[in-house]
């Protein structure tokens, strides 16, 4: 979550690390968003096929997590990384400004 001077509060979703810096694989929307919006954001990612290919990742858990965070009154929140397994989405590190 990030606040933009022009667009207001935004939700950004993307692959982290090298993918974020080199490939610029991110999607963002102005709040409010719903589950369908977040699902579409994830499907827009260039590396989306990685999430649905060989191993089945818990993309539904990522969508639920993003939806919950988008409804909070944070000025800014950076969840990086969020690790997806077959059953869960785990927040490994978070930086939140209230």
C-alpha atoms as a PDB file:
ATOM      1  CA  UNK A   1       0.000   0.000   0.000  1.00  0.00           C
ATOM      2  CA  UNK A   2       1.273   3.413  -0.878  1.00  0.00           C
ATOM      3  CA  UNK A   3      -0.164   6.896  -0.979  1.00  0.00           C
ATOM      4  CA  UNK A   4       0.270   8.872  -4.181  1.00  0.00           C
ATOM      5  CA  UNK A   5      -0.239  12.652  -4.297  1.00  0.00           C
ATOM      6  CA  UNK A   6      -2.282  12.399  -7.493  1.00  0.00           C
ATOM      7  CA  UNK A   7      -4.108   9.046  -7.273  1.00  0.00           C
ATOM      8  CA  UNK A   8      -4.486   8.682  -3.511  1.00  0.00           C
ATOM      9  CA  UNK A   9      -4.007   5.294  -1.885  1.00  0.00           C
ATOM     10  CA  UNK A  10      -2.720   2.549  -4.169  1.00  0.00           C
ATOM     11  CA  UNK A  11      -2.307  -1.197  -3.892  1.00  0.00           C
ATOM     12  CA  UNK A  12       0.762  -2.537  -5.675  1.00  0.00           C
ATOM     13  CA  UNK A  13       1.281  -6.231  -6.371  1.00  0.00           C
ATOM     14  CA  UNK A  14       4.334  -7.723  -8.024  1.00  0.00           C
ATOM     15  CA  UNK A  15       7.158 -10.161  -8.071  1.00  0.00           C
ATOM     16  CA  UNK A  16       9.935  -9.000  -5.792  1.00  0.00           C
ATOM     17  CA  UNK A  17      13.702  -8.937  -5.894  1.00  0.00           C
ATOM     18  CA  UNK A  18      15.369  -8.982  -9.277  1.00  0.00           C
ATOM     19  CA  UNK A  19      12.006  -9.384 -11.013  1.00  0.00           C
ATOM     20  CA  UNK A  20      10.749  -6.087  -9.601  1.00  0.00           C
ATOM     21  CA  UNK A  21      13.915  -4.205 -10.530  1.00  0.00           C
ATOM     22  CA  UNK A  22      14.776  -5.742 -13.904  1.00  0.00           C
ATOM     23  CA  UNK A  23      11.451  -6.891 -15.338  1.00  0.00           C
ATOM     24  CA  UNK A  24       9.339  -4.163 -13.652  1.00  0.00           C
ATOM     25  CA  UNK A  25       6.666  -6.785 -13.048  1.00  0.00           C
ATOM     26  CA  UNK A  26       4.116  -4.839 -10.998  1.00  0.00           C
ATOM     27  CA  UNK A  27       0.446  -3.991 -11.169  1.00  0.00           C
ATOM     28  CA  UNK A  28      -1.305  -1.273  -9.204  1.00  0.00           C
ATOM     29  CA  UNK A  29      -4.812   0.042  -8.610  1.00  0.00           C
ATOM     30  CA  UNK A  30      -6.308   2.917  -6.694  1.00  0.00           C
ATOM     31  CA  UNK A  31      -8.245   1.928  -3.583  1.00  0.00           C
ATOM     32  CA  UNK A  32     -10.820   0.694  -2.894  1.00  0.00           C
ATOM     33  CA  UNK A  33     -10.293  -2.707  -4.498  1.00  0.00           C
ATOM     34  CA  UNK A  34     -12.108  -6.013  -4.174  1.00  0.00           C
ATOM     35  CA  UNK A  35     -11.080  -9.649  -4.644  1.00  0.00           C
ATOM     36  CA  UNK A  36     -11.829  -9.574  -8.365  1.00  0.00           C
ATOM     37  CA  UNK A  37      -9.669  -6.469  -8.833  1.00  0.00           C
ATOM     38  CA  UNK A  38      -6.763  -8.107  -7.002  1.00  0.00           C
ATOM     39  CA  UNK A  39      -7.138 -11.324  -8.978  1.00  0.00           C
ATOM     40  CA  UNK A  40      -6.987  -9.300 -12.212  1.00  0.00           C
ATOM     41  CA  UNK A  41      -3.902  -7.451 -10.937  1.00  0.00           C
ATOM     42  CA  UNK A  42      -2.108 -10.740 -10.298  1.00  0.00           C
ATOM     43  CA  UNK A  43      -3.131 -12.114 -13.698  1.00  0.00           C
ATOM     44  CA  UNK A  44      -1.632  -9.009 -15.356  1.00  0.00           C
ATOM     45  CA  UNK A  45       1.834  -9.814 -14.007  1.00  0.00           C
ATOM     46  CA  UNK A  46       4.279 -10.939 -16.672  1.00  0.00           C
ATOM     47  CA  UNK A  47       5.353 -13.851 -14.486  1.00  0.00           C
ATOM     48  CA  UNK A  48       1.817 -14.965 -13.588  1.00  0.00           C
ATOM     49  CA  UNK A  49       2.374 -18.278 -15.373  1.00  0.00           C
ATOM     50  CA  UNK A  50       5.037 -19.117 -12.777  1.00  0.00           C
ATOM     51  CA  UNK A  51       2.294 -19.084 -10.125  1.00  0.00           C
ATOM     52  CA  UNK A  52       0.063 -21.489 -12.019  1.00  0.00           C
ATOM     53  CA  UNK A  53       2.612 -23.711 -13.721  1.00  0.00           C
ATOM     54  CA  UNK A  54       4.319 -26.778 -12.244  1.00  0.00           C
ATOM     55  CA  UNK A  55       3.589 -26.223  -8.575  1.00  0.00           C
ATOM     56  CA  UNK A  56       0.194 -25.046  -7.409  1.00  0.00           C
ATOM     57  CA  UNK A  57       0.668 -21.979  -5.233  1.00  0.00           C
ATOM     58  CA  UNK A  58      -1.975 -20.613  -2.859  1.00  0.00           C
ATOM     59  CA  UNK A  59      -2.811 -17.598  -5.010  1.00  0.00           C
ATOM     60  CA  UNK A  60      -6.205 -17.384  -3.288  1.00  0.00           C
ATOM     61  CA  UNK A  61      -4.390 -16.794   0.027  1.00  0.00           C
ATOM     62  CA  UNK A  62      -2.352 -14.000  -1.555  1.00  0.00           C
ATOM     63  CA  UNK A  63      -5.556 -12.403  -2.863  1.00  0.00           C
ATOM     64  CA  UNK A  64      -7.155 -12.631   0.578  1.00  0.00           C
ATOM     65  CA  UNK A  65      -4.062 -11.139   2.231  1.00  0.00           C
ATOM     66  CA  UNK A  66      -3.951  -8.225  -0.234  1.00  0.00           C
ATOM     67  CA  UNK A  67      -7.652  -7.583   0.235  1.00  0.00           C
ATOM     68  CA  UNK A  68      -7.304  -7.474   4.035  1.00  0.00           C
ATOM     69  CA  UNK A  69      -4.357  -5.089   3.886  1.00  0.00           C
ATOM     70  CA  UNK A  70      -6.105  -2.832   1.361  1.00  0.00           C
ATOM     71  CA  UNK A  71      -8.880  -2.194   3.897  1.00  0.00           C
ATOM     72  CA  UNK A  72      -6.521  -1.037   6.650  1.00  0.00           C
ATOM     73  CA  UNK A  73      -5.919   2.606   7.488  1.00  0.00           C
ATOM     74  CA  UNK A  74      -2.159   2.439   6.954  1.00  0.00           C
ATOM     75  CA  UNK A  75      -0.343   5.347   5.368  1.00  0.00           C
ATOM     76  CA  UNK A  76       1.999   2.803   3.822  1.00  0.00           C
ATOM     77  CA  UNK A  77       2.622  -0.945   4.069  1.00  0.00           C
ATOM     78  CA  UNK A  78       5.364  -2.955   2.394  1.00  0.00           C
ATOM     79  CA  UNK A  79       5.097  -6.733   2.695  1.00  0.00           C
ATOM     80  CA  UNK A  80       8.275  -8.082   1.185  1.00  0.00           C
ATOM     81  CA  UNK A  81       8.670 -10.893   0.771  1.00  0.00           C
ATOM     82  CA  UNK A  82       5.425 -12.768   0.923  1.00  0.00           C
ATOM     83  CA  UNK A  83       6.176 -16.433   0.338  1.00  0.00           C
ATOM     84  CA  UNK A  84       3.532 -18.621  -1.261  1.00  0.00           C
ATOM     85  CA  UNK A  85       3.348 -22.333  -0.644  1.00  0.00           C
ATOM     86  CA  UNK A  86       0.757 -24.807  -1.816  1.00  0.00           C
ATOM     87  CA  UNK A  87      -1.435 -23.961   1.195  1.00  0.00           C
ATOM     88  CA  UNK A  88      -0.474 -20.569   2.624  1.00  0.00           C
ATOM     89  CA  UNK A  89       0.871 -17.077   2.065  1.00  0.00           C
ATOM     90  CA  UNK A  90       3.487 -16.105   4.660  1.00  0.00           C
ATOM     91  CA  UNK A  91       4.585 -12.546   5.337  1.00  0.00           C
ATOM     92  CA  UNK A  92       8.311 -12.770   6.027  1.00  0.00           C
ATOM     93  CA  UNK A  93       8.999  -9.071   6.535  1.00  0.00           C
ATOM     94  CA  UNK A  94       6.758  -6.045   6.794  1.00  0.00           C
ATOM     95  CA  UNK A  95       7.230  -2.310   7.097  1.00  0.00           C
ATOM     96  CA  UNK A  96       4.107  -0.413   8.061  1.00  0.00           C
ATOM     97  CA  UNK A  97       3.576   3.316   8.573  1.00  0.00           C
ATOM     98  CA  UNK A  98       0.510   4.213  10.593  1.00  0.00           C
END
